[in-house]
Amino acid sequence: MVMIFTLVTAVQEKLNEIVDQIKTRREEEKKQKEKEAEEAEKQLFHGTPVTIENFLNWKAKFDAELLEIKKKRMKEEEQAGKNKLSGRQLFETDHNLDTSDIQFLEDAGNNVEVDESLFQEMDDLELEDDDDDPDYNPADPESDLTD
């Protein structure tokens, strides 16, 4: 009986050691995977170091690409007939546009007649002057209030 107890105890200790080794190995593998994932993430954010030469090379390529895109867009606009002048450019090149709106309204029959005699006699209008108010002081905003 004593011999069986000693054997069972030895087997249990050996099994506990094996289980502990498996647990530590799994923990190490887990830590290793986390470390690899962290390094991979760092490499995603780590790029080419920027130097003056690298930047100038990149800038030249970038400018060339932009120039190609602009040329392509201009060709497309010319082919589509979208190469229109702005309003200012139209007025600077064609002086007939200065009176074109008036001619358009006259042709449409929308003539507006203005009686200028209504605007000639300014003395008849009753305009209020702030100068007539003896309490008015332009420097004091509260003097404008009526009591």
N, C-alpha and C. Protein backbone atom coordinates (compact mmCIF):
# COMPACT_ATOMS: atom_id res chain seq x y z
N MET A 1 0.81 -1.18 0.00
CA MET A 1 0.00 0.00 0.00
C MET A 1 0.86 1.25 0.00
N VAL A 2 1.91 1.23 0.75
CA VAL A 2 2.80 2.37 0.83
C VAL A 2 3.47 2.59 -0.53
N MET A 3 3.80 1.54 -1.16
CA MET A 3 4.47 1.61 -2.46
C MET A 3 3.53 2.22 -3.50
N ILE A 4 2.27 1.87 -3.50
CA ILE A 4 1.30 2.41 -4.47
C ILE A 4 1.11 3.91 -4.20
N PHE A 5 1.04 4.30 -2.93
CA PHE A 5 0.88 5.71 -2.59
C PHE A 5 2.07 6.51 -3.08
N THR A 6 3.27 6.00 -2.95
CA THR A 6 4.48 6.67 -3.41
C THR A 6 4.46 6.81 -4.93
N LEU A 7 4.04 5.75 -5.62
CA LEU A 7 3.97 5.81 -7.09
C LEU A 7 2.92 6.82 -7.55
N VAL A 8 1.76 6.81 -6.93
CA VAL A 8 0.68 7.73 -7.32
C VAL A 8 1.11 9.17 -7.04
N THR A 9 1.75 9.41 -5.94
CA THR A 9 2.21 10.76 -5.61
C THR A 9 3.26 11.22 -6.62
N ALA A 10 4.16 10.33 -7.00
CA ALA A 10 5.19 10.68 -7.98
C ALA A 10 4.56 10.99 -9.33
N VAL A 11 3.57 10.20 -9.73
CA VAL A 11 2.88 10.44 -11.01
C VAL A 11 2.12 11.76 -10.96
N GLN A 12 1.48 12.07 -9.83
CA GLN A 12 0.75 13.33 -9.70
C GLN A 12 1.71 14.52 -9.80
N GLU A 13 2.83 14.44 -9.14
CA GLU A 13 3.81 15.52 -9.20
C GLU A 13 4.32 15.70 -10.62
N LYS A 14 4.57 14.59 -11.32
CA LYS A 14 5.05 14.67 -12.70
C LYS A 14 3.97 15.29 -13.59
N LEU A 15 2.71 14.88 -13.38
CA LEU A 15 1.60 15.45 -14.17
C LEU A 15 1.45 16.95 -13.89
N ASN A 16 1.58 17.34 -12.62
CA ASN A 16 1.49 18.76 -12.28
C ASN A 16 2.61 19.56 -12.95
N GLU A 17 3.81 18.99 -12.98
CA GLU A 17 4.93 19.65 -13.66
C GLU A 17 4.64 19.80 -15.16
N ILE A 18 4.10 18.74 -15.77
CA ILE A 18 3.78 18.78 -17.20
C ILE A 18 2.71 19.83 -17.47
N VAL A 19 1.68 19.87 -16.63
CA VAL A 19 0.61 20.87 -16.79
C VAL A 19 1.17 22.27 -16.63
N ASP A 20 2.04 22.48 -15.65
CA ASP A 20 2.66 23.78 -15.45
C ASP A 20 3.51 24.19 -16.66
N GLN A 21 4.25 23.22 -17.21
CA GLN A 21 5.07 23.50 -18.39
C GLN A 21 4.18 23.89 -19.58
N ILE A 22 3.05 23.20 -19.73
CA ILE A 22 2.13 23.51 -20.84
C ILE A 22 1.56 24.92 -20.65
N LYS A 23 1.18 25.24 -19.40
CA LYS A 23 0.64 26.59 -19.13
C LYS A 23 1.67 27.66 -19.41
N THR A 24 2.91 27.47 -18.95
CA THR A 24 3.95 28.47 -19.18
C THR A 24 4.27 28.60 -20.66
N ARG A 25 4.25 27.47 -21.39
CA ARG A 25 4.51 27.52 -22.83
C ARG A 25 3.40 28.30 -23.54
N ARG A 26 2.15 28.08 -23.15
CA ARG A 26 1.02 28.80 -23.76
C ARG A 26 1.12 30.30 -23.46
N GLU A 27 1.48 30.64 -22.22
CA GLU A 27 1.63 32.05 -21.86
C GLU A 27 2.76 32.69 -22.65
N GLU A 28 3.87 31.97 -22.81
CA GLU A 28 4.99 32.50 -23.61
C GLU A 28 4.59 32.68 -25.06
N GLU A 29 3.85 31.72 -25.61
CA GLU A 29 3.40 31.84 -27.00
C GLU A 29 2.45 33.04 -27.15
N LYS A 30 1.58 33.22 -26.16
CA LYS A 30 0.65 34.34 -26.20
C LYS A 30 1.41 35.67 -26.15
N LYS A 31 2.41 35.74 -25.25
CA LYS A 31 3.22 36.96 -25.16
C LYS A 31 3.99 37.19 -26.46
N GLN A 32 4.49 36.13 -27.05
CA GLN A 32 5.24 36.23 -28.30
C GLN A 32 4.34 36.75 -29.42
N LYS A 33 3.11 36.22 -29.50
CA LYS A 33 2.16 36.68 -30.52
C LYS A 33 1.81 38.16 -30.32
N GLU A 34 1.60 38.56 -29.07
CA GLU A 34 1.30 39.97 -28.78
C GLU A 34 2.48 40.85 -29.18
N LYS A 35 3.67 40.39 -28.88
CA LYS A 35 4.87 41.16 -29.22
C LYS A 35 5.02 41.28 -30.74
N GLU A 36 4.77 40.19 -31.47
CA GLU A 36 4.85 40.23 -32.94
C GLU A 36 3.78 41.15 -33.51
N ALA A 37 2.57 41.09 -32.94
CA ALA A 37 1.49 41.97 -33.41
C ALA A 37 1.85 43.43 -33.15
N GLU A 38 2.43 43.70 -32.01
CA GLU A 38 2.84 45.06 -31.67
C GLU A 38 3.92 45.56 -32.62
N GLU A 39 4.89 44.70 -32.94
CA GLU A 39 5.95 45.08 -33.87
C GLU A 39 5.39 45.30 -35.27
N ALA A 40 4.45 44.45 -35.68
CA ALA A 40 3.83 44.63 -36.99
C ALA A 40 3.07 45.96 -37.05
N GLU A 41 2.40 46.30 -35.95
CA GLU A 41 1.68 47.57 -35.90
C GLU A 41 2.63 48.75 -35.95
N LYS A 42 3.76 48.63 -35.26
CA LYS A 42 4.76 49.69 -35.30
C LYS A 42 5.31 49.87 -36.71
N GLN A 43 5.48 48.76 -37.43
CA GLN A 43 6.03 48.85 -38.78
C GLN A 43 5.04 49.51 -39.73
N LEU A 44 3.73 49.38 -39.43
CA LEU A 44 2.74 50.05 -40.26
C LEU A 44 2.90 51.56 -40.17
N PHE A 45 3.23 52.05 -39.00
CA PHE A 45 3.36 53.48 -38.80
C PHE A 45 4.77 53.98 -39.10
N HIS A 46 5.68 53.09 -39.25
CA HIS A 46 7.05 53.49 -39.52
C HIS A 46 7.28 53.45 -41.02
N GLY A 47 7.60 54.59 -41.60
CA GLY A 47 7.81 54.66 -43.04
C GLY A 47 9.24 55.04 -43.35
N THR A 48 9.39 55.54 -44.55
CA THR A 48 10.71 55.97 -44.99
C THR A 48 11.07 57.27 -44.28
N PRO A 49 12.27 57.36 -43.73
CA PRO A 49 12.67 58.62 -43.11
C PRO A 49 12.75 59.73 -44.17
N VAL A 50 12.25 60.90 -43.82
CA VAL A 50 12.21 62.01 -44.78
C VAL A 50 13.54 62.76 -44.71
N THR A 51 14.19 62.81 -45.86
CA THR A 51 15.39 63.62 -46.00
C THR A 51 15.12 64.65 -47.08
N ILE A 52 16.01 65.56 -47.24
CA ILE A 52 15.82 66.60 -48.26
C ILE A 52 15.79 65.96 -49.65
N GLU A 53 16.67 65.01 -49.89
CA GLU A 53 16.71 64.35 -51.20
C GLU A 53 15.42 63.58 -51.47
N ASN A 54 14.96 62.81 -50.47
CA ASN A 54 13.72 62.05 -50.64
C ASN A 54 12.55 62.98 -50.90
N PHE A 55 12.50 64.06 -50.14
CA PHE A 55 11.39 64.99 -50.31
C PHE A 55 11.41 65.64 -51.68
N LEU A 56 12.58 66.07 -52.16
CA LEU A 56 12.67 66.71 -53.47
C LEU A 56 12.28 65.73 -54.58
N ASN A 57 12.70 64.47 -54.45
CA ASN A 57 12.30 63.47 -55.45
C ASN A 57 10.79 63.27 -55.44
N TRP A 58 10.22 63.15 -54.26
CA TRP A 58 8.78 62.98 -54.15
C TRP A 58 8.05 64.19 -54.71
N LYS A 59 8.53 65.39 -54.37
CA LYS A 59 7.89 66.62 -54.82
C LYS A 59 7.90 66.73 -56.34
N ALA A 60 9.02 66.35 -56.96
CA ALA A 60 9.10 66.39 -58.43
C ALA A 60 8.09 65.43 -59.05
N LYS A 61 7.99 64.23 -58.51
CA LYS A 61 7.02 63.27 -59.03
C LYS A 61 5.59 63.77 -58.82
N PHE A 62 5.34 64.31 -57.64
CA PHE A 62 4.00 64.80 -57.32
C PHE A 62 3.60 65.95 -58.24
N ASP A 63 4.51 66.89 -58.46
CA ASP A 63 4.22 68.01 -59.36
C ASP A 63 3.97 67.53 -60.78
N ALA A 64 4.73 66.53 -61.22
CA ALA A 64 4.53 65.99 -62.56
C ALA A 64 3.15 65.34 -62.67
N GLU A 65 2.74 64.62 -61.65
CA GLU A 65 1.42 63.99 -61.66
C GLU A 65 0.32 65.05 -61.69
N LEU A 66 0.47 66.11 -60.89
CA LEU A 66 -0.52 67.18 -60.89
C LEU A 66 -0.60 67.87 -62.25
N LEU A 67 0.55 68.08 -62.88
CA LEU A 67 0.57 68.72 -64.18
C LEU A 67 -0.15 67.85 -65.22
N GLU A 68 0.07 66.55 -65.16
CA GLU A 68 -0.62 65.64 -66.08
C GLU A 68 -2.12 65.68 -65.86
N ILE A 69 -2.53 65.72 -64.61
CA ILE A 69 -3.96 65.76 -64.30
C ILE A 69 -4.58 67.05 -64.81
N LYS A 70 -3.87 68.19 -64.62
CA LYS A 70 -4.39 69.47 -65.10
C LYS A 70 -4.50 69.49 -66.62
N LYS A 71 -3.47 68.96 -67.30
CA LYS A 71 -3.51 68.92 -68.76
C LYS A 71 -4.67 68.07 -69.24
N LYS A 72 -4.86 66.94 -68.58
CA LYS A 72 -5.94 66.03 -68.97
C LYS A 72 -7.30 66.72 -68.76
N ARG A 73 -7.45 67.41 -67.64
CA ARG A 73 -8.70 68.10 -67.36
C ARG A 73 -8.95 69.22 -68.36
N MET A 74 -7.89 69.96 -68.72
CA MET A 74 -8.06 71.04 -69.69
C MET A 74 -8.44 70.49 -71.05
N LYS A 75 -7.84 69.37 -71.46
CA LYS A 75 -8.21 68.75 -72.74
C LYS A 75 -9.67 68.33 -72.72
N GLU A 76 -10.11 67.75 -71.61
CA GLU A 76 -11.50 67.32 -71.51
C GLU A 76 -12.44 68.51 -71.57
N GLU A 77 -12.08 69.60 -70.92
CA GLU A 77 -12.93 70.79 -70.94
C GLU A 77 -12.98 71.40 -72.34
N GLU A 78 -11.86 71.43 -73.04
CA GLU A 78 -11.84 71.98 -74.39
C GLU A 78 -12.68 71.12 -75.32
N GLN A 79 -12.59 69.82 -75.16
CA GLN A 79 -13.36 68.92 -76.01
C GLN A 79 -14.85 69.03 -75.70
N ALA A 80 -15.18 69.25 -74.46
CA ALA A 80 -16.58 69.34 -74.07
C ALA A 80 -17.13 70.74 -74.27
N GLY A 81 -16.29 71.69 -74.60
CA GLY A 81 -16.74 73.07 -74.83
C GLY A 81 -16.99 73.82 -73.54
N LYS A 82 -16.36 73.40 -72.48
CA LYS A 82 -16.57 74.04 -71.18
C LYS A 82 -15.53 75.12 -70.90
N ASN A 83 -14.76 75.48 -71.88
CA ASN A 83 -13.74 76.50 -71.68
C ASN A 83 -14.40 77.87 -71.79
N LYS A 84 -15.15 78.23 -70.77
CA LYS A 84 -15.90 79.48 -70.79
C LYS A 84 -15.13 80.56 -70.04
N LEU A 85 -15.38 81.79 -70.46
CA LEU A 85 -14.77 82.93 -69.79
C LEU A 85 -15.61 83.34 -68.60
N SER A 86 -14.98 83.95 -67.63
CA SER A 86 -15.72 84.46 -66.49
C SER A 86 -16.46 85.73 -66.92
N GLY A 87 -17.36 86.19 -66.06
CA GLY A 87 -18.12 87.39 -66.38
C GLY A 87 -17.24 88.60 -66.58
N ARG A 88 -16.24 88.73 -65.77
CA ARG A 88 -15.33 89.86 -65.89
C ARG A 88 -14.57 89.79 -67.22
N GLN A 89 -14.10 88.60 -67.57
CA GLN A 89 -13.37 88.44 -68.82
C GLN A 89 -14.27 88.75 -70.02
N LEU A 90 -15.54 88.36 -69.93
CA LEU A 90 -16.48 88.66 -71.02
C LEU A 90 -16.65 90.17 -71.18
N PHE A 91 -16.83 90.89 -70.08
CA PHE A 91 -17.01 92.34 -70.17
C PHE A 91 -15.75 93.04 -70.65
N GLU A 92 -14.58 92.51 -70.29
CA GLU A 92 -13.34 93.13 -70.74
C GLU A 92 -13.11 92.92 -72.23
N THR A 93 -13.57 91.81 -72.77
CA THR A 93 -13.32 91.53 -74.19
C THR A 93 -14.42 92.08 -75.09
N ASP A 94 -15.68 92.08 -74.65
CA ASP A 94 -16.79 92.50 -75.49
C ASP A 94 -17.53 93.66 -74.82
N HIS A 95 -17.35 94.89 -75.38
CA HIS A 95 -17.96 96.07 -74.76
C HIS A 95 -19.44 96.20 -75.12
N ASN A 96 -19.95 95.39 -76.01
CA ASN A 96 -21.38 95.40 -76.31
C ASN A 96 -22.19 94.83 -75.16
N LEU A 97 -21.56 94.09 -74.29
CA LEU A 97 -22.27 93.50 -73.16
C LEU A 97 -22.64 94.55 -72.12
N ASP A 98 -22.02 95.73 -72.19
CA ASP A 98 -22.34 96.79 -71.23
C ASP A 98 -23.81 97.20 -71.36
N THR A 99 -24.31 97.25 -72.57
CA THR A 99 -25.68 97.71 -72.80
C THR A 99 -26.62 96.58 -73.21
N SER A 100 -26.14 95.37 -73.18
CA SER A 100 -26.96 94.24 -73.65
C SER A 100 -28.19 94.02 -72.79
N ASP A 101 -28.09 94.23 -71.49
CA ASP A 101 -29.25 94.03 -70.62
C ASP A 101 -30.34 95.05 -70.92
N ILE A 102 -29.93 96.28 -71.17
CA ILE A 102 -30.91 97.33 -71.49
C ILE A 102 -31.59 97.02 -72.81
N GLN A 103 -30.81 96.60 -73.78
CA GLN A 103 -31.38 96.25 -75.08
C GLN A 103 -32.33 95.06 -74.94
N PHE A 104 -31.98 94.10 -74.12
CA PHE A 104 -32.83 92.93 -73.91
C PHE A 104 -34.17 93.35 -73.32
N LEU A 105 -34.14 94.24 -72.32
CA LEU A 105 -35.38 94.69 -71.71
C LEU A 105 -36.22 95.51 -72.69
N GLU A 106 -35.57 96.34 -73.52
CA GLU A 106 -36.31 97.14 -74.50
C GLU A 106 -36.95 96.25 -75.55
N ASP A 107 -36.23 95.21 -75.97
CA ASP A 107 -36.77 94.28 -76.96
C ASP A 107 -37.96 93.50 -76.39
N ALA A 108 -37.93 93.22 -75.13
CA ALA A 108 -39.01 92.45 -74.50
C ALA A 108 -40.22 93.32 -74.20
N GLY A 109 -40.06 94.62 -74.32
CA GLY A 109 -41.18 95.52 -74.07
C GLY A 109 -41.33 95.88 -72.60
N ASN A 110 -40.33 95.69 -71.84
CA ASN A 110 -40.38 96.02 -70.42
C ASN A 110 -39.73 97.38 -70.18
N ASN A 111 -40.25 98.38 -70.81
CA ASN A 111 -39.71 99.72 -70.64
C ASN A 111 -40.24 100.30 -69.34
N VAL A 112 -39.37 100.77 -68.52
CA VAL A 112 -39.75 101.38 -67.26
C VAL A 112 -39.51 102.87 -67.39
N GLU A 113 -40.58 103.63 -67.21
CA GLU A 113 -40.46 105.07 -67.30
C GLU A 113 -40.40 105.65 -65.89
N VAL A 114 -39.49 106.55 -65.70
CA VAL A 114 -39.29 107.16 -64.39
C VAL A 114 -39.61 108.64 -64.50
N ASP A 115 -40.47 109.11 -63.62
CA ASP A 115 -40.82 110.53 -63.59
C ASP A 115 -39.79 111.23 -62.72
N GLU A 116 -38.85 111.91 -63.36
CA GLU A 116 -37.74 112.54 -62.63
C GLU A 116 -38.18 113.77 -61.86
N SER A 117 -39.33 114.31 -62.17
CA SER A 117 -39.79 115.50 -61.45
C SER A 117 -40.11 115.17 -60.00
N LEU A 118 -40.38 113.91 -59.71
CA LEU A 118 -40.65 113.51 -58.32
C LEU A 118 -39.41 113.64 -57.45
N PHE A 119 -38.25 113.56 -58.07
CA PHE A 119 -37.02 113.56 -57.30
C PHE A 119 -36.29 114.89 -57.31
N GLN A 120 -36.86 115.89 -57.97
CA GLN A 120 -36.16 117.15 -58.12
C GLN A 120 -36.41 118.10 -56.96
N GLU A 121 -37.55 118.06 -56.33
CA GLU A 121 -37.88 119.01 -55.29
C GLU A 121 -37.63 118.37 -53.92
N MET A 122 -36.46 118.49 -53.42
CA MET A 122 -36.10 117.90 -52.14
C MET A 122 -36.57 118.75 -50.96
N ASP A 123 -36.87 120.02 -51.21
CA ASP A 123 -37.28 120.90 -50.12
C ASP A 123 -38.67 120.53 -49.59
N ASP A 124 -39.51 119.94 -50.43
CA ASP A 124 -40.86 119.61 -50.02
C ASP A 124 -40.92 118.36 -49.14
N LEU A 125 -39.89 117.59 -49.13
CA LEU A 125 -39.89 116.36 -48.34
C LEU A 125 -39.69 116.69 -46.87
N GLU A 126 -40.38 115.98 -46.01
CA GLU A 126 -40.25 116.20 -44.59
C GLU A 126 -39.23 115.20 -44.05
N LEU A 127 -38.00 115.63 -43.97
CA LEU A 127 -36.94 114.78 -43.45
C LEU A 127 -36.60 115.23 -42.05
N GLU A 128 -36.41 114.26 -41.16
CA GLU A 128 -36.06 114.60 -39.79
C GLU A 128 -34.55 114.75 -39.70
N ASP A 129 -34.15 115.82 -39.08
CA ASP A 129 -32.72 116.03 -38.84
C ASP A 129 -32.46 115.88 -37.36
N ASP A 130 -31.40 115.18 -37.03
CA ASP A 130 -31.03 115.05 -35.63
C ASP A 130 -30.44 116.35 -35.09
N ASP A 131 -30.05 117.24 -35.99
CA ASP A 131 -29.47 118.51 -35.56
C ASP A 131 -30.53 119.40 -34.91
N ASP A 132 -31.81 119.19 -35.24
CA ASP A 132 -32.88 120.00 -34.71
C ASP A 132 -33.15 119.68 -33.24
N ASP A 133 -32.77 118.49 -32.78
CA ASP A 133 -33.00 118.08 -31.40
C ASP A 133 -31.96 118.74 -30.51
N PRO A 134 -32.35 119.59 -29.57
CA PRO A 134 -31.36 120.30 -28.74
C PRO A 134 -30.64 119.36 -27.78
N ASP A 135 -31.25 118.22 -27.45
CA ASP A 135 -30.62 117.29 -26.51
C ASP A 135 -29.71 116.27 -27.21
N TYR A 136 -29.65 116.31 -28.52
CA TYR A 136 -28.88 115.30 -29.27
C TYR A 136 -27.37 115.56 -29.15
N ASN A 137 -26.65 114.54 -28.75
CA ASN A 137 -25.19 114.61 -28.67
C ASN A 137 -24.65 113.39 -29.41
N PRO A 138 -23.96 113.56 -30.53
CA PRO A 138 -23.51 112.40 -31.31
C PRO A 138 -22.49 111.53 -30.56
N ALA A 139 -21.79 112.09 -29.59
CA ALA A 139 -20.81 111.32 -28.84
C ALA A 139 -21.47 110.46 -27.77
N ASP A 140 -22.69 110.81 -27.37
CA ASP A 140 -23.38 110.07 -26.31
C ASP A 140 -24.54 109.28 -26.93
N PRO A 141 -24.44 107.94 -26.97
CA PRO A 141 -25.50 107.15 -27.61
C PRO A 141 -26.82 107.21 -26.86
N GLU A 142 -26.80 107.52 -25.59
CA GLU A 142 -28.04 107.57 -24.81
C GLU A 142 -28.80 108.87 -25.01
N SER A 143 -28.17 109.89 -25.61
CA SER A 143 -28.86 111.15 -25.83
C SER A 143 -29.86 111.02 -26.97
N ASP A 144 -29.77 109.92 -27.72
CA ASP A 144 -30.66 109.68 -28.86
C ASP A 144 -32.02 109.17 -28.38
N LEU A 145 -32.08 108.66 -27.15
CA LEU A 145 -33.31 108.10 -26.62
C LEU A 145 -34.28 109.23 -26.26
N THR A 146 -35.54 108.98 -26.54
CA THR A 146 -36.55 110.00 -26.18
C THR A 146 -37.13 109.66 -24.83
N ASP A 147 -37.45 110.68 -24.06
CA ASP A 147 -38.00 110.46 -22.73
C ASP A 147 -39.49 110.41 -22.76
